[in-house]
Amino acid sequence: MGVWVGSTFGMAAVAGIAIIAGIIAGKKLPDKLIKYISATIFFLFGIVIIIEVVR
């Protein structure tokens, strides 16, 4: 039970930090830059997954 409670609170804390960081970044960075950065990260993760599957 303790592991479940700890992991639930940990995930909630990390999600809260990510939301706050996203709000701050959204105010300081242009939408187009955020779109290109997230598309690049998505593409790189896709390449890494493809490489791992092919191995």
N, C-alpha and C. Protein backbone atom coordinates (compact mmCIF):
# COMPACT_ATOMS: atom_id res chain seq x y z
N MET A 1 0.82 -1.19 0.00
CA MET A 1 0.00 0.00 0.00
C MET A 1 0.86 1.25 0.00
N GLY A 2 1.95 1.21 0.75
CA GLY A 2 2.83 2.37 0.84
C GLY A 2 3.48 2.71 -0.49
N VAL A 3 3.85 1.69 -1.25
CA VAL A 3 4.47 1.93 -2.56
C VAL A 3 3.46 2.59 -3.49
N TRP A 4 2.23 2.12 -3.46
CA TRP A 4 1.18 2.70 -4.32
C TRP A 4 0.94 4.15 -3.95
N VAL A 5 0.83 4.46 -2.67
CA VAL A 5 0.58 5.84 -2.24
C VAL A 5 1.77 6.73 -2.61
N GLY A 6 2.96 6.24 -2.38
CA GLY A 6 4.16 7.02 -2.71
C GLY A 6 4.29 7.28 -4.19
N SER A 7 4.02 6.26 -5.00
CA SER A 7 4.14 6.45 -6.44
C SER A 7 3.03 7.36 -6.96
N THR A 8 1.84 7.29 -6.38
CA THR A 8 0.74 8.17 -6.80
C THR A 8 1.07 9.62 -6.47
N PHE A 9 1.56 9.88 -5.27
CA PHE A 9 1.94 11.25 -4.92
C PHE A 9 3.11 11.73 -5.75
N GLY A 10 4.04 10.85 -6.04
CA GLY A 10 5.19 11.23 -6.88
C GLY A 10 4.76 11.62 -8.28
N MET A 11 3.86 10.83 -8.87
CA MET A 11 3.36 11.16 -10.21
C MET A 11 2.57 12.46 -10.20
N ALA A 12 1.79 12.70 -9.16
CA ALA A 12 1.03 13.95 -9.06
C ALA A 12 1.97 15.14 -8.92
N ALA A 13 3.03 14.99 -8.14
CA ALA A 13 3.99 16.07 -7.97
C ALA A 13 4.71 16.39 -9.28
N VAL A 14 5.14 15.37 -9.98
CA VAL A 14 5.83 15.57 -11.25
C VAL A 14 4.91 16.19 -12.29
N ALA A 15 3.65 15.75 -12.32
CA ALA A 15 2.68 16.34 -13.25
C ALA A 15 2.45 17.80 -12.91
N GLY A 16 2.36 18.13 -11.64
CA GLY A 16 2.18 19.53 -11.23
C GLY A 16 3.36 20.39 -11.64
N ILE A 17 4.56 19.88 -11.47
CA ILE A 17 5.76 20.62 -11.88
C ILE A 17 5.76 20.82 -13.39
N ALA A 18 5.39 19.79 -14.14
CA ALA A 18 5.35 19.89 -15.60
C ALA A 18 4.31 20.91 -16.06
N ILE A 19 3.18 20.95 -15.39
CA ILE A 19 2.14 21.93 -15.75
C ILE A 19 2.62 23.35 -15.49
N ILE A 20 3.23 23.56 -14.35
CA ILE A 20 3.75 24.90 -14.02
C ILE A 20 4.84 25.30 -15.00
N ALA A 21 5.75 24.38 -15.32
CA ALA A 21 6.82 24.67 -16.28
C ALA A 21 6.24 24.98 -17.66
N GLY A 22 5.20 24.26 -18.05
CA GLY A 22 4.56 24.51 -19.34
C GLY A 22 3.89 25.87 -19.39
N ILE A 23 3.27 26.27 -18.31
CA ILE A 23 2.64 27.59 -18.26
C ILE A 23 3.68 28.69 -18.36
N ILE A 24 4.78 28.53 -17.63
CA ILE A 24 5.85 29.54 -17.67
C ILE A 24 6.48 29.58 -19.06
N ALA A 25 6.78 28.41 -19.64
CA ALA A 25 7.38 28.37 -20.97
C ALA A 25 6.43 28.93 -22.01
N GLY A 26 5.14 28.66 -21.85
CA GLY A 26 4.15 29.17 -22.80
C GLY A 26 4.05 30.68 -22.80
N LYS A 27 4.34 31.29 -21.67
CA LYS A 27 4.30 32.75 -21.58
C LYS A 27 5.56 33.40 -22.15
N LYS A 28 6.68 32.70 -22.10
CA LYS A 28 7.96 33.29 -22.49
C LYS A 28 8.42 32.90 -23.89
N LEU A 29 7.93 31.78 -24.42
CA LEU A 29 8.38 31.31 -25.73
C LEU A 29 7.25 31.43 -26.74
N PRO A 30 7.59 31.72 -27.98
CA PRO A 30 6.54 31.78 -29.01
C PRO A 30 5.96 30.39 -29.30
N ASP A 31 4.68 30.36 -29.68
CA ASP A 31 4.00 29.09 -29.94
C ASP A 31 4.69 28.28 -31.03
N LYS A 32 5.18 28.96 -32.04
CA LYS A 32 5.83 28.27 -33.16
C LYS A 32 7.09 27.54 -32.69
N LEU A 33 7.87 28.17 -31.82
CA LEU A 33 9.08 27.54 -31.30
C LEU A 33 8.73 26.31 -30.46
N ILE A 34 7.71 26.42 -29.63
CA ILE A 34 7.29 25.27 -28.82
C ILE A 34 6.84 24.13 -29.72
N LYS A 35 6.13 24.46 -30.78
CA LYS A 35 5.66 23.43 -31.72
C LYS A 35 6.85 22.72 -32.37
N TYR A 36 7.86 23.47 -32.81
CA TYR A 36 9.02 22.86 -33.46
C TYR A 36 9.84 22.03 -32.48
N ILE A 37 9.99 22.51 -31.27
CA ILE A 37 10.75 21.75 -30.27
C ILE A 37 10.03 20.43 -29.95
N SER A 38 8.72 20.50 -29.72
CA SER A 38 7.99 19.27 -29.39
C SER A 38 7.95 18.30 -30.56
N ALA A 39 7.85 18.82 -31.80
CA ALA A 39 7.88 17.94 -32.98
C ALA A 39 9.24 17.26 -33.11
N THR A 40 10.31 17.99 -32.84
CA THR A 40 11.66 17.42 -32.91
C THR A 40 11.84 16.32 -31.86
N ILE A 41 11.39 16.58 -30.64
CA ILE A 41 11.51 15.57 -29.58
C ILE A 41 10.69 14.34 -29.93
N PHE A 42 9.48 14.53 -30.44
CA PHE A 42 8.62 13.41 -30.86
C PHE A 42 9.31 12.60 -31.94
N PHE A 43 9.90 13.27 -32.92
CA PHE A 43 10.60 12.60 -34.01
C PHE A 43 11.80 11.80 -33.48
N LEU A 44 12.58 12.40 -32.58
CA LEU A 44 13.76 11.72 -32.04
C LEU A 44 13.36 10.48 -31.24
N PHE A 45 12.31 10.59 -30.44
CA PHE A 45 11.84 9.41 -29.70
C PHE A 45 11.39 8.32 -30.67
N GLY A 46 10.74 8.70 -31.75
CA GLY A 46 10.33 7.73 -32.75
C GLY A 46 11.51 7.01 -33.37
N ILE A 47 12.55 7.76 -33.70
CA ILE A 47 13.78 7.16 -34.26
C ILE A 47 14.41 6.20 -33.27
N VAL A 48 14.49 6.60 -32.00
CA VAL A 48 15.08 5.74 -30.98
C VAL A 48 14.28 4.44 -30.85
N ILE A 49 12.96 4.54 -30.85
CA ILE A 49 12.12 3.34 -30.73
C ILE A 49 12.31 2.43 -31.94
N ILE A 50 12.36 3.02 -33.13
CA ILE A 50 12.58 2.21 -34.34
C ILE A 50 13.92 1.49 -34.26
N ILE A 51 14.96 2.18 -33.83
CA ILE A 51 16.29 1.56 -33.70
C ILE A 51 16.24 0.42 -32.70
N GLU A 52 15.58 0.63 -31.56
CA GLU A 52 15.48 -0.43 -30.55
C GLU A 52 14.72 -1.64 -31.07
N VAL A 53 13.68 -1.43 -31.85
CA VAL A 53 12.90 -2.55 -32.37
C VAL A 53 13.69 -3.34 -33.41
N VAL A 54 14.45 -2.63 -34.24
CA VAL A 54 15.23 -3.29 -35.29
C VAL A 54 16.34 -4.14 -34.70
N ARG A 55 16.91 -3.74 -33.60
CA ARG A 55 18.00 -4.50 -32.99
C ARG A 55 17.50 -5.82 -32.60
